[in-house]
Protein backbone atom coordinates (compact mmCIF):
# COMPACT_ATOMS: atom_id res chain seq x y z
CA MET A 1 32.68 10.50 -33.86
CA GLN A 2 29.04 11.30 -34.46
CA MET A 3 26.61 9.21 -32.57
CA LYS A 4 23.26 8.07 -33.99
CA PHE A 5 20.22 7.31 -31.95
CA ALA A 6 17.34 5.08 -33.23
CA PRO A 7 13.94 6.91 -33.26
CA LEU A 8 11.54 6.02 -30.51
CA PRO A 9 8.71 3.57 -31.56
CA SER A 10 5.22 5.11 -31.93
CA LYS A 11 3.92 2.16 -29.93
CA ILE A 12 5.28 0.21 -27.01
CA TYR A 13 4.79 -3.53 -27.12
CA PRO A 14 4.80 -4.92 -23.57
CA ASN A 15 4.79 -8.56 -22.45
CA PRO A 16 1.63 -10.08 -24.04
CA GLN A 17 1.22 -12.26 -21.00
CA VAL A 18 0.49 -9.30 -18.70
CA HIS A 19 -3.27 -8.99 -18.15
CA PRO A 20 -4.87 -5.79 -19.78
CA ALA A 21 -6.19 -4.77 -16.39
CA ILE A 22 -2.72 -4.68 -15.04
CA LYS A 23 -1.63 -2.56 -17.97
CA ALA A 24 -4.45 -0.23 -17.23
CA PHE A 25 -3.34 -0.06 -13.55
CA MET A 26 0.10 0.88 -14.63
CA CYS A 27 -1.01 3.54 -17.05
CA GLY A 28 -3.42 5.03 -14.38
CA SER A 29 -0.66 5.03 -11.68
CA LEU A 30 1.57 6.88 -13.93
CA SER A 31 -1.04 9.47 -14.80
CA GLY A 32 -1.92 9.91 -11.15
CA THR A 33 1.74 10.50 -10.15
CA CYS A 34 2.07 13.33 -12.70
CA SER A 35 -1.10 15.06 -11.78
CA THR A 36 -0.62 14.81 -7.98
CA LEU A 37 2.86 16.22 -7.99
CA LEU A 38 1.70 19.29 -9.96
CA PHE A 39 -1.44 20.08 -8.22
CA GLN A 40 -0.82 19.10 -4.51
CA PRO A 41 -0.54 22.92 -3.44
CA LEU A 42 -4.19 23.46 -4.65
CA ASP A 43 -5.33 20.50 -2.48
CA LEU A 44 -3.57 21.81 0.65
CA VAL A 45 -5.00 25.22 0.21
CA LYS A 46 -8.50 23.73 -0.30
CA THR A 47 -8.14 21.73 2.97
CA ARG A 48 -7.00 24.74 4.93
CA LEU A 49 -9.79 26.85 3.73
CA GLN A 50 -12.40 24.25 4.63
CA THR A 51 -11.09 23.74 8.16
CA LEU A 52 -10.45 27.31 9.23
CA GLN A 53 -11.81 27.86 12.66
CA THR A 54 -14.57 30.46 13.36
CA GLY A 55 -12.47 32.13 16.03
CA VAL A 56 -11.30 34.92 13.86
CA GLN A 57 -11.68 38.45 14.97
CA PRO A 58 -14.78 40.33 13.83
CA GLY A 59 -14.03 42.67 10.99
CA SER A 60 -10.84 40.70 9.99
CA GLY A 61 -12.17 40.31 6.52
CA ARG A 62 -12.93 37.27 4.37
CA VAL A 63 -10.08 34.70 4.18
CA GLY A 64 -9.50 33.63 0.71
CA MET A 65 -7.30 31.37 -1.33
CA VAL A 66 -4.58 33.80 -1.99
CA SER A 67 -4.35 34.86 1.71
CA VAL A 68 -4.13 31.10 2.78
CA LEU A 69 -1.52 30.53 -0.01
CA LEU A 70 0.68 33.39 1.24
CA SER A 71 0.23 32.38 4.85
CA VAL A 72 1.51 28.89 4.13
CA VAL A 73 4.55 30.21 2.15
CA ARG A 74 5.39 32.68 5.03
CA THR A 75 5.07 30.15 7.86
CA GLU A 76 6.09 26.90 6.31
CA ARG A 77 8.14 28.16 3.28
CA LEU A 78 7.56 27.30 -0.33
CA LEU A 79 7.87 23.52 0.22
CA GLY A 80 5.16 23.72 2.78
CA LEU A 81 2.65 23.82 -0.19
CA TRP A 82 3.57 20.30 -0.79
CA LYS A 83 2.94 19.13 2.77
CA GLY A 84 0.96 15.93 2.60
CA VAL A 85 2.40 15.01 -0.83
CA SER A 86 3.72 11.78 0.58
CA PRO A 87 0.27 10.39 1.72
CA SER A 88 -1.12 11.94 -1.55
CA PHE A 89 1.29 9.72 -3.48
CA VAL A 90 0.56 6.71 -1.28
CA ARG A 91 -3.12 7.39 -2.09
CA THR A 92 -3.20 8.37 -5.80
CA ILE A 93 -0.48 6.06 -7.29
CA PRO A 94 -2.43 2.91 -6.34
CA GLY A 95 -5.72 4.69 -6.13
CA VAL A 96 -5.78 6.04 -9.62
CA GLY A 97 -4.41 2.77 -10.90
CA ILE A 98 -7.24 0.88 -9.22
CA TYR A 99 -9.73 3.32 -10.57
CA PHE A 100 -8.62 3.03 -14.14
CA SER A 101 -7.99 -0.82 -14.03
CA THR A 102 -11.62 -1.16 -12.59
CA TYR A 103 -13.00 1.12 -15.18
CA TYR A 104 -11.25 -0.74 -17.97
CA SER A 105 -12.47 -4.09 -16.62
CA LEU A 106 -16.08 -2.95 -16.26
CA LYS A 107 -16.05 -1.39 -19.71
CA GLN A 108 -14.64 -4.42 -21.38
CA HIS A 109 -17.01 -6.75 -19.59
CA PHE A 110 -20.27 -4.94 -20.23
CA LEU A 111 -19.58 -2.89 -23.40
CA GLN A 112 -16.65 -4.50 -25.00
CA ASP A 113 -15.39 -1.88 -27.59
CA ARG A 114 -18.62 0.02 -27.82
CA ARG A 115 -18.73 3.69 -26.81
CA PRO A 116 -20.72 4.07 -23.49
CA GLY A 117 -23.95 6.09 -23.59
CA ALA A 118 -24.61 8.87 -21.00
CA ALA A 119 -26.27 6.55 -18.28
CA GLU A 120 -23.64 3.84 -18.97
CA ALA A 121 -20.79 6.35 -18.46
CA VAL A 122 -22.32 7.44 -15.18
CA LEU A 123 -22.48 3.94 -13.92
CA LEU A 124 -18.93 3.03 -15.22
CA GLY A 125 -17.27 6.05 -13.55
CA GLY A 126 -19.30 5.67 -10.33
CA GLY A 127 -18.55 1.95 -10.11
CA ALA A 128 -14.92 2.38 -10.57
CA ARG A 129 -14.71 5.23 -8.01
CA THR A 130 -16.58 3.30 -5.49
CA VAL A 131 -13.99 0.43 -5.54
CA ALA A 132 -11.07 2.76 -5.46
CA GLY A 133 -12.61 5.06 -2.83
CA VAL A 134 -13.27 2.33 -0.39
CA VAL A 135 -9.89 0.64 -0.77
CA MET A 136 -7.96 3.87 -0.41
CA LEU A 137 -10.01 5.63 2.43
CA PRO A 138 -7.56 5.08 5.25
CA VAL A 139 -4.83 6.80 3.36
CA THR A 140 -7.26 9.65 2.44
CA VAL A 141 -8.04 10.19 6.03
CA VAL A 142 -4.30 10.52 6.98
CA LYS A 143 -3.75 12.81 3.89
CA THR A 144 -6.47 15.15 4.94
CA ARG A 145 -5.16 15.26 8.49
CA PHE A 146 -1.62 16.02 7.16
CA GLU A 147 -2.78 18.94 5.16
CA CYS A 148 -5.07 20.55 7.64
CA GLY A 149 -2.15 21.56 9.93
CA ARG A 150 -3.77 20.43 13.29
CA TYR A 151 -1.84 17.21 13.58
CA SER A 152 1.98 16.69 13.87
CA TYR A 153 2.45 13.40 12.26
CA GLY A 154 6.08 12.48 11.25
CA SER A 155 5.30 10.04 8.43
CA VAL A 156 2.36 8.18 6.85
CA ILE A 157 3.05 4.98 8.86
CA GLY A 158 3.38 6.86 12.01
CA ALA A 159 0.05 8.57 11.27
CA LEU A 160 -1.68 5.28 10.69
CA ARG A 161 -0.20 3.86 13.85
CA SER A 162 -1.21 6.91 15.88
CA VAL A 163 -4.81 6.90 14.63
CA CYS A 164 -5.13 3.17 15.22
CA GLN A 165 -3.79 3.47 18.84
CA THR A 166 -5.62 6.64 19.88
CA GLU A 167 -8.98 6.36 18.10
CA GLY A 168 -9.22 2.86 16.85
CA PRO A 169 -9.02 1.39 13.29
CA ALA A 170 -12.61 2.50 12.60
CA ALA A 171 -11.29 6.18 12.56
CA LEU A 172 -9.44 5.27 9.34
CA PHE A 173 -12.85 4.93 7.60
CA SER A 174 -14.33 8.13 9.03
CA GLY A 175 -16.11 10.06 6.34
CA LEU A 176 -16.78 6.97 4.27
CA MET A 177 -20.37 8.10 3.37
CA ALA A 178 -19.45 11.68 2.61
CA THR A 179 -16.39 10.50 0.49
CA LEU A 180 -18.70 8.27 -1.56
CA LEU A 181 -21.27 10.87 -1.81
CA ARG A 182 -18.68 13.24 -3.18
CA ASP A 183 -16.42 10.90 -5.25
CA VAL A 184 -18.96 8.59 -6.89
CA PRO A 185 -21.18 11.31 -8.33
CA PHE A 186 -18.11 13.32 -9.31
CA SER A 187 -16.66 10.46 -11.18
CA GLY A 188 -19.88 9.44 -12.88
CA ILE A 189 -20.79 13.01 -13.98
CA TYR A 190 -17.25 13.58 -15.09
CA VAL A 191 -17.04 10.41 -17.22
CA MET A 192 -20.48 11.28 -18.67
CA PHE A 193 -19.59 14.80 -19.72
CA TYR A 194 -16.12 13.70 -20.79
CA SER A 195 -17.16 10.93 -22.99
CA GLN A 196 -20.06 12.90 -24.51
CA THR A 197 -17.99 16.03 -25.33
CA LYS A 198 -15.22 13.79 -26.89
CA ALA A 199 -17.79 12.01 -28.81
CA SER A 200 -19.05 15.44 -30.21
CA LEU A 201 -15.51 16.26 -31.51
CA PRO A 202 -15.19 16.32 -35.27
CA LYS A 203 -13.37 13.22 -36.64
CA GLU A 204 -10.57 15.44 -38.24
CA ILE A 205 -9.74 16.68 -34.67
CA SER A 206 -10.00 13.45 -32.83
CA THR A 207 -7.65 11.77 -35.22
CA SER A 208 -5.15 14.62 -35.60
CA PRO A 209 -1.89 15.41 -33.62
CA VAL A 210 -3.89 17.89 -31.50
CA ALA A 211 -6.18 15.27 -30.21
CA PRO A 212 -4.58 15.26 -26.70
CA VAL A 213 -5.09 18.94 -26.41
CA ALA A 214 -8.71 18.59 -27.47
CA ASN A 215 -9.32 15.69 -25.03
CA PHE A 216 -7.61 17.77 -22.30
CA SER A 217 -10.07 20.72 -23.01
CA CYS A 218 -13.08 18.24 -22.87
CA GLY A 219 -11.72 17.03 -19.50
CA VAL A 220 -11.48 20.61 -18.11
CA LEU A 221 -15.13 21.29 -19.09
CA ALA A 222 -16.24 18.07 -17.54
CA GLY A 223 -14.19 18.70 -14.42
CA VAL A 224 -15.58 22.24 -13.73
CA LEU A 225 -19.26 20.95 -13.94
CA ALA A 226 -18.67 17.92 -11.92
CA SER A 227 -16.67 19.80 -9.15
CA LEU A 228 -19.28 22.41 -8.66
CA ILE A 229 -22.10 19.84 -8.26
CA THR A 230 -20.17 17.81 -5.72
CA GLN A 231 -18.55 20.62 -3.87
CA PRO A 232 -20.86 20.52 -0.72
CA ALA A 233 -20.06 16.84 -0.18
CA ASP A 234 -16.38 17.54 -0.24
CA VAL A 235 -16.72 20.15 2.56
CA VAL A 236 -18.63 17.65 4.68
CA LYS A 237 -16.13 14.94 4.12
CA THR A 238 -13.24 17.21 5.12
CA HIS A 239 -14.92 18.06 8.46
CA VAL A 240 -15.82 14.47 9.31
CA GLN A 241 -12.18 13.41 8.59
CA VAL A 242 -10.58 16.17 10.63
CA ASN A 243 -13.08 15.78 13.43
CA PRO A 244 -13.81 12.10 13.63
CA GLN A 245 -16.32 12.49 16.56
CA LEU A 246 -18.70 14.17 13.99
CA LYS A 247 -21.17 12.11 12.08
CA THR A 248 -22.08 13.07 8.56
CA ALA A 249 -25.49 14.59 9.58
CA GLU A 250 -23.84 16.43 12.43
CA ALA A 251 -21.16 17.84 10.20
CA ILE A 252 -23.85 19.16 7.70
CA ARG A 253 -25.69 20.84 10.64
CA TYR A 254 -22.46 22.30 12.00
CA ILE A 255 -21.39 23.86 8.76
CA TYR A 256 -24.76 25.34 8.17
CA MET A 257 -25.10 26.82 11.58
CA GLU A 258 -21.43 28.27 11.46
CA TYR A 259 -21.18 29.42 7.97
CA GLY A 260 -24.56 29.33 6.37
CA LEU A 261 -25.17 27.83 2.89
CA GLN A 262 -21.96 29.45 1.56
CA GLY A 263 -19.97 27.34 3.95
CA PHE A 264 -20.71 24.29 1.79
CA PHE A 265 -18.81 26.00 -1.07
CA ARG A 266 -15.78 26.93 1.07
CA GLY A 267 -12.69 25.97 -0.83
CA ALA A 268 -14.64 25.65 -4.16
CA VAL A 269 -12.06 27.57 -6.24
CA PRO A 270 -8.94 25.58 -5.36
CA ARG A 271 -10.79 22.31 -5.37
CA SER A 272 -12.40 22.94 -8.79
CA LEU A 273 -9.03 24.02 -10.22
CA ARG A 274 -7.28 20.98 -8.78
CA ARG A 275 -9.90 18.35 -9.44
CA THR A 276 -10.46 19.68 -12.98
CA MET A 277 -6.77 19.80 -13.88
CA MET A 278 -5.90 16.55 -12.15
CA ALA A 279 -8.77 14.66 -13.79
CA ALA A 280 -8.08 16.24 -17.26
CA MET A 281 -4.31 15.40 -17.07
CA ALA A 282 -4.97 12.03 -15.65
CA TRP A 283 -7.35 10.94 -18.43
CA THR A 284 -5.16 12.52 -21.10
CA VAL A 285 -2.03 10.80 -19.96
CA TYR A 286 -3.89 7.50 -19.42
CA GLU A 287 -5.44 7.48 -22.80
CA GLN A 288 -2.16 8.31 -24.47
CA MET A 289 -0.30 5.56 -22.60
CA MET A 290 -3.03 2.99 -23.33
CA ALA A 291 -2.79 3.94 -27.05
CA ARG A 292 0.89 3.54 -26.96
CA ILE A 293 0.61 -0.08 -25.59
CA GLY A 294 -2.05 -0.89 -28.15
CA LEU A 295 -5.03 -0.89 -25.89
CA LYS A 296 -8.33 0.97 -26.49
CA SER A 297 -9.09 3.06 -23.29
């Protein structure tokens, strides 16, 4: 007997009673899940590169991304590259959802359906990232410590409990200033470049079946530029969160004294790859999901 399957609908029609911001949250959470699972190894390698100790033997050579990657695979096996994926999920699933729902709410409130200009895009992206960054910072601290290899936490809950008991709840917000200095400009710059490059696409491309590929390419370009501009703040943030006794100014001084100016760009390659690919994928999946449920992203 031959079975026949009904074709999938081109649009999904959810419960109309659900608030659009909640729909944006769900679309953002799904996009964050996909991008985090794929690119977690790059985040771990970036964190290890930024937190390498200076006590290496003279003449031992420059430690790069590939050597760190191979070292993790040798000592912790292949699955070691996904160490810290649990706190990453705990952070990104609600964090990306909060970001996109805040972005959608701000855009609808101030711009309605109008396309944002360059300055408006910076403010929209920066405002949404500020809200998401502050709310999710405690999980970000735990994620960074999981990945750096210096702490032996058994679980996310255990790590949160350990930090609160040994260092106090304030330690969960260590690196707040460096995190905002990194994430808010990154998001603002990214949304500006992304929206402007998308707007410059010919109409026949933006309305064709290859539009998701074109949008992803715009996201890659925007991500590379935004990552390079905000890389120094990312290095400072990592040092403050791994060494909570350091203040932001002290971390800047320490990095400069130990590594020089190039120290502020340590881990730039894996971070740029990860942030660029994660942001491009997250925005592409988010926009496709929003289109499927009949909302303009």
